[in-house]
Amino acid sequence: PGGASRKSAGRARSALIVAVSSYASDNVSNLANTIIDAAKLQGALFKLGWSVEMALELGLEQAEKKVEEFAGRGAKGDDDCLFAFVGHGVELNGRNYLVAADSKFDAAYESEAKFEKAVKRGCLPF
């Protein structure tokens, strides 16, 4: 399963699954089942007629680029697009962020402002 869109009733059905299991920061725990879970989702979507692209262990720049490329390909109003992220996430002031593989977090932050800066510097807003 890969890049080209599959069709269902005249509609292209494309999915992008981004999965991160290993994090650069010692203060962000690695996840044991992320890749397995992403592969199960990929298989289920493929059985349902979706074209599925997987992107694993992406840093912030790579993740931003991959999501932008996917959004550009699926921008047509008559296509079905699905984005899934399997990994850590952070909610900050009502906004969700996906934690990239190269995100850096200190063990403790002196203030909420410093934590917010670290989130915005190392996570993909969603």
Foldseek 3Di string as FASTA:
>chain_A
DADDFWDDPRATAEEEEEEEQAAPEPQFHGHDCGVVVSVVVCVVVVVVGGHYHYHYQAWPVVVVVVVVVQCVVQVDPRYHYYYHYRDDWDADPNWIWAAHRHQYDDNDDPDVVVVVVSRVVGTHTD
